[in-house]
Structures are given as structure tokens and as C-alpha cells.
Amino acid sequence: MNPLLGKLHPYPFERLRELTRDITPNPALRPIGLGIGEPRHATPALIEEALMAGLKGLAIYPPTAGEPRLREAFAGWIQRRYGVVVDAATQVLPVGGSREALFAIAQTVVDASRPGATVVCPNPFYQIYEGAALLAGAEVAFANSDASRNFAADWGQIDAATWARTQLLYVCSPGNPTGAVMPLAEWEQLFALSDQHGFVIASDECYSEIYFRDQPPLGGLEAAVQLGRSDFRNLITFTSLSKRSNVPGLRSGFVAGDAAIIKNFLLYRTYHGSAMSPVVQNASVAAWNDEAHVVANRALYRTKFAQVTPVLASALDVALPDAGFYLWAAVPGGDDIGFARQLLAQYNVVVLPGSLLAREAHHHNPGSGRIRMALVAGTEECLEAAHRIAEFTRSLTRSLTTP
């Protein structure tokens, strides 16, 4: 077996199951899960219809690069969303959802034969980044989020020697789990570091279409153009239909950016067998070409968060994020795992302890003392969970403050 497999950490949800295996949830309350970020809003009918209409495509082998009309749909969406022009033939590529592509890019980019090959990522983080780096034979360096700066990653924690060994940098904007959006100044800082040290920036933007401000989140390609980098050198962005269009089971997304990286990524994917089914391609074209369902979906999240956030904020240190569908809350007493265990036992609600989403780095686990709540279910269910969490938190706070 590949010895690098032994370096992989259990996934956060596996760890949570182990940590709560001995708990019997309160049987008087129906279970509510806020742990997994799996969109549960209805899939738009236009996507289902396009999926059915494309069934004849099952009779052919699809090209790994995707059909021209699919790549044109990607390019058209990028131009409408970001005002950025890309070459549909050389600067975009279909992928089976952003997760598999985020993993695969490390296998394409990292040269483990170079001493000290390093991948940098934010902390807390999506665990695929770390697993991809480890299986590519690289070391992982973490930049902790800074709660005093809206949970932005503190890239200054990475020293010059580490940057010099870095081959790949993962960024996530809007962030998981914090919902923070990277501003132009942060992009400028990272582009300068990339130019100096030659590493690739992989920008995970799967939450870009769920936001709560009037201004949509800045994207990596958009930032590059604003900073005079229209060739997108050493930049590749990742996006998906899962959150945008409520089709996590479709496994459909795309990457876009530096044509040289895309060319090599296509080579890797051709051997890896990563072609998108023609049936999925047909449904994806319909999804990327329609914005009405995205606007409606965003409105559902805005309404839900507007109702749920104040309930939770009455008891927890939590605020509306920039974007995404998570709330990132500090818990009284600072024991995020204990909080999650007691909440499940007493109120039958699952939340994800923040320390499971981060690593000890720079003498601190930046997820410790926080919980992530995925508001993916309907408003009524999320509100019920919020009231239970608030009630539990108030009782816990009383117990911690009573002599």
C-alpha cells in the first residue's frame, strides 16, 4: 500500500461520530443535523429536465475536456458574474465537483522530488487540501485565521523560508467555515508572493453565490484582472454547482485560469479517467446558463439567516458571515467538543466542533472553542435548532458562572 495513506487524518465527521458514539440523544426531540454542509434546498426543475433530456449521451465516451458548448457555458458565466473574459478552449475545464479537482490539482502541481516541497493552506480549512498535499508527498504549512480581522488567514505566520519551498497555496473565499471573503489587498499580497516564489494558487470558490451583502464576493480571476494579471499566471480557480444550484449529487463544476496549468491538468485528468458524463454535461449547461434559480436560492438563504442568526446571537458569540451557509460561533467555556456532546445528548442537535476543522499550528488550534453550524435545511427546522441551541447555551452559561 502507498505509505503516504498512513499520514491521512480521519475526516471531521468520522471523528465526530467516534466522539459521540457513547451518547444517547434525547429521544423526546426529533434529531436535527447542522453538521454536514450538504445543500438541502430543492433542485431546480430545469436541471432535472436537462438531465433527463441528455440520457442519450450515455451511449458515447465523453472527452475529458468536455463538449465545446459546456466550456462556452463556463466562459459565459465567468463573464456575466465577474466581467472577466476567458478562452473557452484553453482556460476552462470541467471537473466532477470542486472536491475531486482540489485534490487532483496537488497531484498535478507538486514536485515531491524537490527538497521540502510544501503546500500552504488556511487554518481552519477544508480537509481535502491537507490530504491532497500529503498524498502528493508534500509537507503542509498552515496560516491560522485571525478572529480580530474577520477570520482572515494570517499569511504573515508563514516565514520566508517556508514560502521559498512552497509549490501550491490553497485559498478559500468565501471561507469554510468562517464565511470570510478575501479583499483585493489580500489577493495582491498573495500574487506578489506567488511571483516571488513561483507557487501556484488554487482558489476554492464553491460558496461564491451564497452571500448576504449587496456586493457579491470578489473572485480570484476578477482580482487578477483588476491587478493587471489577465494571463492569470499561476492561478487556477475552482467552482461548483453543488451549492449554487442545489445539486450536490450531480458532481459538477469547473476550473479556470492559467492556460499552462489547465493544459497539464487536462493531461493528468485524461489518464485519471475524469471525464464528465454527457448526461451531467447537458444538465450543467442548463444550470450555468440560468441565473434566476440562483437568485431565488440566495434569497432563501438570506431569509433563513436573517431569522436564525438573531436567535443564536442572543446566547452565542456569532454574527452574520460575509457569505456561505455556515455560522461560526464561539461557545461559552471554550470546550467545543464538550459543547457538541452535551448539545446532542440534551437537545438532539448535531453541530461540528471547530477544533476538528483545524490543526494545532503556531501553538494554537484556531478552531478550538468554536462550532460550525450548517444552515442547509429548511428555515423552520433551522429555527427549531437555533432555539434549542440558544436554550442549551444559556443553561450552560449559568452553570459555568454559578459558584
Protein backbone atom coordinates (compact mmCIF):
# COMPACT_ATOMS: atom_id res chain seq x y z
CA MET A 1 0.00 0.00 0.00
CA ASN A 2 1.03 3.60 -0.55
CA PRO A 3 2.77 4.50 2.74
CA LEU A 4 1.54 8.09 2.41
CA LEU A 5 -2.00 6.87 3.14
CA GLY A 6 -0.90 6.44 6.73
CA LYS A 7 -0.43 10.21 7.03
CA LEU A 8 -4.10 10.98 6.36
CA HIS A 9 -6.23 12.14 9.27
CA PRO A 10 -9.76 10.81 9.82
CA TYR A 11 -12.36 13.09 8.27
CA PRO A 12 -14.06 15.51 10.76
CA PHE A 13 -17.40 13.72 10.53
CA GLU A 14 -15.75 10.37 11.27
CA ARG A 15 -14.06 11.91 14.31
CA LEU A 16 -17.35 13.40 15.47
CA ARG A 17 -19.07 10.02 15.18
CA GLU A 18 -16.36 8.47 17.33
CA LEU A 19 -16.54 11.29 19.87
CA THR A 20 -20.32 10.89 20.23
CA ARG A 21 -20.59 7.10 19.91
CA ASP A 22 -21.37 6.73 23.62
CA ILE A 23 -24.15 9.34 23.60
CA THR A 24 -27.87 8.57 23.50
CA PRO A 25 -29.59 11.69 22.13
CA ASN A 26 -32.71 12.98 23.88
CA PRO A 27 -35.49 10.77 22.42
CA ALA A 28 -38.16 13.36 23.23
CA LEU A 29 -36.83 15.66 20.50
CA ARG A 30 -36.58 14.95 16.79
CA PRO A 31 -32.97 14.85 15.57
CA ILE A 32 -31.69 17.91 13.69
CA GLY A 33 -28.35 17.85 11.93
CA LEU A 34 -26.35 21.04 11.36
CA GLY A 35 -23.06 19.22 10.98
CA ILE A 36 -22.66 18.46 7.27
CA GLY A 37 -22.70 21.22 4.65
CA GLU A 38 -24.93 19.35 2.23
CA PRO A 39 -27.39 21.65 0.41
CA ARG A 40 -30.98 20.58 1.01
CA HIS A 41 -32.96 23.17 -0.92
CA ALA A 42 -34.92 21.78 -3.86
CA THR A 43 -33.06 21.03 -7.09
CA PRO A 44 -34.35 23.34 -9.86
CA ALA A 45 -36.69 21.63 -12.33
CA LEU A 46 -34.75 22.96 -15.32
CA ILE A 47 -31.70 20.96 -14.23
CA GLU A 48 -33.69 17.77 -13.70
CA GLU A 49 -35.31 18.19 -17.12
CA ALA A 50 -31.95 18.77 -18.82
CA LEU A 51 -30.56 15.70 -17.08
CA MET A 52 -33.37 13.55 -18.44
CA ALA A 53 -33.08 15.09 -21.90
CA GLY A 54 -29.42 14.16 -22.05
CA LEU A 55 -29.82 10.42 -21.43
CA LYS A 56 -28.90 9.50 -25.00
CA GLY A 57 -25.42 10.72 -24.17
CA LEU A 58 -24.88 7.52 -22.18
CA ALA A 59 -24.08 5.78 -25.45
CA ILE A 60 -20.80 7.64 -26.02
CA TYR A 61 -17.44 8.15 -24.31
CA PRO A 62 -17.15 11.82 -23.31
CA PRO A 63 -13.97 13.83 -23.95
CA THR A 64 -12.12 14.80 -20.77
CA ALA A 65 -12.03 18.42 -21.93
CA GLY A 66 -15.83 18.49 -22.16
CA GLU A 67 -18.04 19.49 -25.04
CA PRO A 68 -17.41 22.96 -26.54
CA ARG A 69 -20.88 24.14 -25.52
CA LEU A 70 -20.13 23.24 -21.90
CA ARG A 71 -16.86 25.15 -21.87
CA GLU A 72 -18.64 28.07 -23.52
CA ALA A 73 -21.24 27.96 -20.74
CA PHE A 74 -18.42 28.20 -18.18
CA ALA A 75 -16.83 31.13 -20.00
CA GLY A 76 -20.17 32.87 -20.41
CA TRP A 77 -20.93 32.58 -16.70
CA ILE A 78 -17.50 33.91 -15.75
CA GLN A 79 -18.01 36.94 -17.97
CA ARG A 80 -21.51 37.64 -16.62
CA ARG A 81 -20.53 37.08 -12.98
CA TYR A 82 -17.08 38.68 -12.85
CA GLY A 83 -16.78 40.75 -16.03
CA VAL A 84 -13.77 38.61 -16.96
CA VAL A 85 -13.11 37.15 -20.42
CA VAL A 86 -11.52 33.68 -20.62
CA ASP A 87 -10.71 31.46 -23.57
CA ALA A 88 -13.24 28.62 -23.55
CA ALA A 89 -10.80 26.39 -25.43
CA THR A 90 -7.75 26.77 -23.19
CA GLN A 91 -8.63 28.38 -19.87
CA VAL A 92 -11.54 26.30 -18.51
CA LEU A 93 -12.05 22.60 -17.83
CA PRO A 94 -14.98 20.56 -16.43
CA VAL A 95 -14.48 18.67 -13.17
CA GLY A 96 -16.53 16.27 -11.10
CA GLY A 97 -17.30 18.82 -8.43
CA SER A 98 -14.70 21.03 -6.79
CA ARG A 99 -13.70 18.42 -4.18
CA GLU A 100 -12.09 15.93 -6.56
CA ALA A 101 -10.42 18.71 -8.52
CA LEU A 102 -8.98 20.34 -5.41
CA PHE A 103 -7.43 17.00 -4.55
CA ALA A 104 -6.21 16.29 -8.09
CA ILE A 105 -4.51 19.65 -8.62
CA ALA A 106 -1.92 18.83 -5.97
CA GLN A 107 -1.08 15.60 -7.77
CA THR A 108 -0.52 17.67 -10.93
CA VAL A 109 1.39 20.60 -9.47
CA VAL A 110 3.55 19.24 -6.65
CA ASP A 111 7.06 18.02 -7.45
CA ALA A 112 7.92 15.88 -4.41
CA SER A 113 11.46 15.32 -5.67
CA ARG A 114 12.31 18.89 -4.68
CA PRO A 115 13.56 19.06 -1.07
CA GLY A 116 10.98 20.33 1.39
CA ALA A 117 8.12 20.50 -1.10
CA THR A 118 5.41 22.42 0.76
CA VAL A 119 1.72 23.20 0.37
CA VAL A 120 0.27 26.12 2.34
CA CYS A 121 -3.37 26.40 3.35
CA PRO A 122 -5.56 28.40 5.74
CA ASN A 123 -6.42 27.03 9.19
CA PRO A 124 -9.24 26.04 9.83
CA PHE A 125 -9.64 24.51 6.41
CA TYR A 126 -11.36 22.03 4.12
CA GLN A 127 -9.53 18.78 4.89
CA ILE A 128 -9.15 17.85 1.22
CA TYR A 129 -6.34 20.43 0.97
CA GLU A 130 -4.25 18.66 3.58
CA GLY A 131 -4.96 15.17 2.25
CA ALA A 132 -4.09 16.22 -1.29
CA ALA A 133 -0.79 17.68 -0.14
CA LEU A 134 0.18 14.65 1.93
CA LEU A 135 -0.61 12.15 -0.83
CA ALA A 136 1.39 14.27 -3.27
CA GLY A 137 4.39 13.84 -0.97
CA ALA A 138 4.46 17.42 0.31
CA GLU A 139 4.66 18.96 3.74
CA VAL A 140 1.76 21.15 4.92
CA ALA A 141 2.10 24.61 6.45
CA PHE A 142 -0.85 26.42 7.99
CA ALA A 143 -1.82 30.09 8.25
CA ASN A 144 -4.22 30.49 11.16
CA SER A 145 -7.34 32.61 10.84
CA ASP A 146 -7.43 35.80 12.88
CA ALA A 147 -10.71 36.37 14.70
CA SER A 148 -9.83 40.03 15.20
CA ARG A 149 -9.68 40.51 11.40
CA ASN A 150 -12.96 38.86 10.40
CA PHE A 151 -11.27 35.44 10.41
CA ALA A 152 -8.90 36.31 7.57
CA ALA A 153 -5.91 33.97 7.31
CA ASP A 154 -2.75 35.50 8.75
CA TRP A 155 -0.34 34.80 5.87
CA GLY A 156 2.36 36.62 7.82
CA GLN A 157 2.65 33.50 10.00
CA ILE A 158 4.36 31.76 7.07
CA ASP A 159 8.05 32.61 7.18
CA ALA A 160 10.22 33.40 4.15
CA ALA A 161 11.96 30.02 4.20
CA THR A 162 8.62 28.21 4.03
CA TRP A 163 7.34 30.41 1.21
CA ALA A 164 10.55 29.60 -0.69
CA ARG A 165 9.70 25.87 -0.50
CA THR A 166 6.02 26.37 -1.31
CA GLN A 167 4.73 24.90 -4.57
CA LEU A 168 0.98 25.23 -4.01
CA LEU A 169 -1.20 27.55 -1.96
CA TYR A 170 -4.84 26.74 -1.25
CA VAL A 171 -7.16 29.64 -0.51
CA CYS A 172 -10.89 29.52 0.16
CA SER A 173 -13.05 32.58 -0.42
CA PRO A 174 -15.77 32.73 0.81
CA GLY A 175 -14.16 30.68 3.54
CA ASN A 176 -15.20 27.38 5.06
CA PRO A 177 -16.07 27.50 7.94
CA THR A 178 -15.74 31.23 8.62
CA GLY A 179 -17.55 32.77 5.62
CA ALA A 180 -14.80 35.40 5.24
CA VAL A 181 -14.23 36.89 1.77
CA MET A 182 -10.72 37.82 0.64
CA PRO A 183 -10.39 41.52 -0.29
CA LEU A 184 -8.31 42.80 -3.21
CA ALA A 185 -5.40 43.76 -0.94
CA GLU A 186 -5.06 40.17 0.27
CA TRP A 187 -5.05 38.91 -3.31
CA GLU A 188 -2.37 41.45 -4.17
CA GLN A 189 -0.23 40.17 -1.28
CA LEU A 190 -0.59 36.55 -2.40
CA PHE A 191 0.07 37.31 -6.07
CA ALA A 192 3.28 39.09 -5.08
CA LEU A 193 4.39 36.06 -3.05
CA SER A 194 3.50 33.76 -5.95
CA ASP A 195 5.56 35.88 -8.35
CA GLN A 196 8.49 35.86 -5.95
CA HIS A 197 8.49 32.12 -5.19
CA GLY A 198 6.73 30.61 -8.23
CA PHE A 199 3.98 28.68 -6.46
CA VAL A 200 0.51 28.01 -7.86
CA ILE A 201 -2.57 29.47 -6.16
CA ALA A 202 -5.61 27.16 -6.06
CA SER A 203 -8.68 29.24 -5.19
CA ASP A 204 -11.67 27.32 -3.82
CA GLU A 205 -14.75 29.45 -4.59
CA CYS A 206 -17.60 26.95 -4.22
CA TYR A 207 -19.59 29.25 -1.86
CA SER A 208 -19.35 32.33 -4.09
CA GLU A 209 -23.05 32.56 -4.93
CA ILE A 210 -24.46 32.47 -1.39
CA TYR A 211 -23.83 35.91 0.08
CA PHE A 212 -25.57 38.44 2.31
CA ARG A 213 -24.17 41.81 1.24
CA ASP A 214 -25.19 43.78 -1.83
CA GLN A 215 -21.73 43.33 -3.35
CA PRO A 216 -21.03 39.75 -4.49
CA PRO A 217 -17.75 38.21 -3.29
CA LEU A 218 -14.62 39.06 -5.23
CA GLY A 219 -13.31 36.10 -7.26
CA GLY A 220 -9.71 35.17 -7.93
CA LEU A 221 -9.91 35.74 -11.69
CA GLU A 222 -11.63 39.07 -11.08
CA ALA A 223 -8.91 40.11 -8.65
CA ALA A 224 -6.21 39.09 -11.12
CA VAL A 225 -7.69 41.25 -13.90
CA GLN A 226 -8.09 44.23 -11.55
CA LEU A 227 -4.41 43.89 -10.66
CA GLY A 228 -3.25 43.67 -14.27
CA ARG A 229 -2.80 39.90 -14.39
CA SER A 230 -5.12 38.99 -17.26
CA ASP A 231 -2.94 35.99 -18.15
CA PHE A 232 -3.92 34.51 -14.73
CA ARG A 233 -0.35 33.31 -14.28
CA ASN A 234 -0.04 30.64 -11.59
CA LEU A 235 -3.73 30.97 -10.69
CA ILE A 236 -6.47 28.36 -11.02
CA THR A 237 -9.96 28.77 -9.55
CA PHE A 238 -12.45 26.07 -8.60
CA THR A 239 -16.20 26.36 -8.52
CA SER A 240 -19.16 24.02 -8.39
CA LEU A 241 -22.89 23.70 -8.98
CA SER A 242 -23.44 21.90 -5.66
CA LYS A 243 -24.12 24.96 -3.50
CA ARG A 244 -25.04 27.41 -6.26
CA SER A 245 -27.72 25.20 -7.79
CA ASN A 246 -28.52 22.67 -5.02
CA VAL A 247 -27.21 19.64 -6.91
CA PRO A 248 -24.50 18.09 -4.69
CA GLY A 249 -25.26 14.68 -6.19
CA LEU A 250 -24.60 15.88 -9.74
CA ARG A 251 -20.86 16.23 -9.02
CA SER A 252 -20.30 19.02 -11.49
CA GLY A 253 -18.03 22.03 -11.51
CA PHE A 254 -15.19 23.61 -13.44
CA VAL A 255 -11.72 25.05 -13.07
CA ALA A 256 -10.49 28.19 -14.80
CA GLY A 257 -7.29 30.19 -15.03
CA ASP A 258 -3.71 29.89 -16.25
CA ALA A 259 -3.77 28.08 -19.62
CA ALA A 260 -0.47 26.31 -18.92
CA ILE A 261 -1.82 24.83 -15.69
CA ILE A 262 -5.09 23.89 -17.38
CA LYS A 263 -3.14 22.10 -20.14
CA ASN A 264 -1.19 19.99 -17.66
CA PHE A 265 -4.28 19.39 -15.53
CA LEU A 266 -6.08 18.09 -18.62
CA LEU A 267 -3.20 15.70 -19.27
CA TYR A 268 -3.41 14.38 -15.71
CA ARG A 269 -7.18 14.06 -15.88
CA THR A 270 -7.07 12.22 -19.21
CA TYR A 271 -5.03 9.46 -17.59
CA HIS A 272 -7.01 9.61 -14.37
CA GLY A 273 -10.30 8.98 -16.18
CA SER A 274 -12.03 12.15 -15.04
CA ALA A 275 -14.34 12.82 -18.00
CA MET A 276 -17.76 14.25 -17.14
CA SER A 277 -20.74 12.21 -18.30
CA PRO A 278 -22.58 13.72 -21.29
CA VAL A 279 -25.77 13.49 -19.22
CA VAL A 280 -24.21 15.62 -16.49
CA GLN A 281 -22.76 17.97 -19.10
CA ASN A 282 -26.23 18.61 -20.52
CA ALA A 283 -27.64 19.40 -17.08
CA SER A 284 -24.62 21.57 -16.28
CA VAL A 285 -25.05 23.69 -19.41
CA ALA A 286 -28.64 24.40 -18.37
CA ALA A 287 -27.56 25.29 -14.84
CA TRP A 288 -24.70 27.63 -15.74
CA ASN A 289 -26.84 29.41 -18.34
CA ASP A 290 -29.63 30.20 -15.88
CA GLU A 291 -29.32 32.73 -13.07
CA ALA A 292 -32.94 33.01 -11.93
CA HIS A 293 -32.77 29.87 -9.79
CA VAL A 294 -29.55 31.12 -8.19
CA VAL A 295 -31.14 34.43 -7.21
CA ALA A 296 -34.10 32.55 -5.72
CA ASN A 297 -31.80 30.20 -3.83
CA ARG A 298 -29.77 33.09 -2.43
CA ALA A 299 -32.99 34.76 -1.27
CA LEU A 300 -33.94 31.60 0.65
CA TYR A 301 -30.61 31.66 2.48
CA ARG A 302 -30.86 35.36 3.20
CA THR A 303 -34.32 34.96 4.70
CA LYS A 304 -33.22 31.95 6.74
CA PHE A 305 -30.08 33.60 8.11
CA ALA A 306 -31.99 36.78 8.92
CA GLN A 307 -34.32 34.76 11.15
CA VAL A 308 -31.88 32.26 12.63
CA THR A 309 -28.82 34.43 13.35
CA PRO A 310 -30.53 36.75 15.92
CA VAL A 311 -31.85 33.74 17.85
CA LEU A 312 -28.38 32.26 18.14
CA ALA A 313 -26.76 35.65 18.76
CA SER A 314 -28.97 36.08 21.82
CA ALA A 315 -26.93 33.36 23.53
CA LEU A 316 -23.75 32.80 21.49
CA ASP A 317 -20.92 34.96 20.16
CA VAL A 318 -21.94 34.73 16.50
CA ALA A 319 -22.63 37.12 13.62
CA LEU A 320 -23.82 37.04 10.03
CA PRO A 321 -20.90 35.99 7.80
CA ASP A 322 -19.89 37.63 4.54
CA ALA A 323 -21.04 34.60 2.58
CA GLY A 324 -21.54 30.83 2.64
CA PHE A 325 -24.13 28.83 4.56
CA TYR A 326 -22.29 28.35 7.86
CA LEU A 327 -22.38 30.15 11.17
CA TRP A 328 -19.07 30.11 13.05
CA ALA A 329 -19.80 30.63 16.73
CA ALA A 330 -17.72 30.84 19.90
CA VAL A 331 -19.02 28.66 22.74
CA PRO A 332 -19.05 29.51 26.45
CA GLY A 333 -16.25 27.84 28.35
CA GLY A 334 -14.22 27.24 25.19
CA ASP A 335 -14.78 23.46 25.05
CA ASP A 336 -16.20 22.97 21.56
CA ILE A 337 -16.20 19.16 21.74
CA GLY A 338 -17.85 19.11 25.16
CA PHE A 339 -20.43 21.62 23.91
CA ALA A 340 -21.28 19.45 20.89
CA ARG A 341 -21.54 16.29 23.01
CA GLN A 342 -23.85 17.85 25.60
CA LEU A 343 -25.98 19.55 22.95
CA LEU A 344 -26.53 16.23 21.21
CA ALA A 345 -27.34 14.42 24.45
CA GLN A 346 -29.72 17.02 25.83
CA TYR A 347 -31.25 18.64 22.72
CA ASN A 348 -30.64 16.13 19.87
CA VAL A 349 -28.88 18.68 17.63
CA VAL A 350 -25.64 17.91 15.80
CA VAL A 351 -23.08 20.67 15.30
CA LEU A 352 -19.45 20.31 14.24
CA PRO A 353 -16.75 21.21 16.79
CA GLY A 354 -14.40 23.77 15.28
CA SER A 355 -11.27 22.07 16.56
CA LEU A 356 -12.00 19.14 14.22
CA LEU A 357 -11.74 21.52 11.26
CA ALA A 358 -8.29 22.82 12.16
CA ARG A 359 -4.81 21.72 13.20
CA GLU A 360 -2.56 22.81 16.02
CA ALA A 361 -0.29 25.39 14.37
CA HIS A 362 1.73 28.29 15.74
CA HIS A 363 0.95 26.96 19.26
CA HIS A 364 -2.80 27.20 18.75
CA ASN A 365 -5.77 25.39 17.20
CA PRO A 366 -7.77 28.30 15.70
CA GLY A 367 -10.96 26.22 15.58
CA SER A 368 -10.86 25.44 19.28
CA GLY A 369 -13.72 26.93 21.27
CA ARG A 370 -15.95 27.33 18.21
CA ILE A 371 -18.63 25.34 16.44
CA ARG A 372 -19.73 25.28 12.82
CA MET A 373 -23.45 25.21 12.08
CA ALA A 374 -24.58 24.42 8.54
CA LEU A 375 -27.92 26.12 7.87
CA VAL A 376 -28.77 23.92 4.91
CA ALA A 377 -32.18 22.58 5.95
CA GLY A 378 -35.46 24.48 5.70
CA THR A 379 -36.00 27.65 7.73
CA GLU A 380 -38.43 26.02 10.17
CA GLU A 381 -36.01 23.21 11.02
CA CYS A 382 -33.06 25.58 11.35
CA LEU A 383 -35.08 27.89 13.59
CA GLU A 384 -36.07 25.00 15.84
CA ALA A 385 -32.42 24.00 16.11
CA ALA A 386 -31.44 27.61 16.87
CA HIS A 387 -33.91 27.86 19.73
CA ARG A 388 -32.66 24.59 21.19
CA ILE A 389 -29.03 25.68 20.88
CA ALA A 390 -29.79 29.07 22.47
CA GLU A 391 -31.64 27.42 25.36
CA PHE A 392 -28.83 24.95 25.91
CA THR A 393 -26.20 27.71 25.74
CA ARG A 394 -27.98 29.83 28.33
CA SER A 395 -28.22 26.87 30.71
CA LEU A 396 -24.54 26.06 30.13
CA THR A 397 -23.54 29.68 30.75
CA ARG A 398 -25.48 29.69 34.03
CA SER A 399 -23.75 26.50 35.15
CA LEU A 400 -20.33 27.96 34.30
CA THR A 401 -20.95 31.21 36.17
CA THR A 402 -22.72 29.80 39.23
CA PRO A 403 -20.31 29.37 42.18
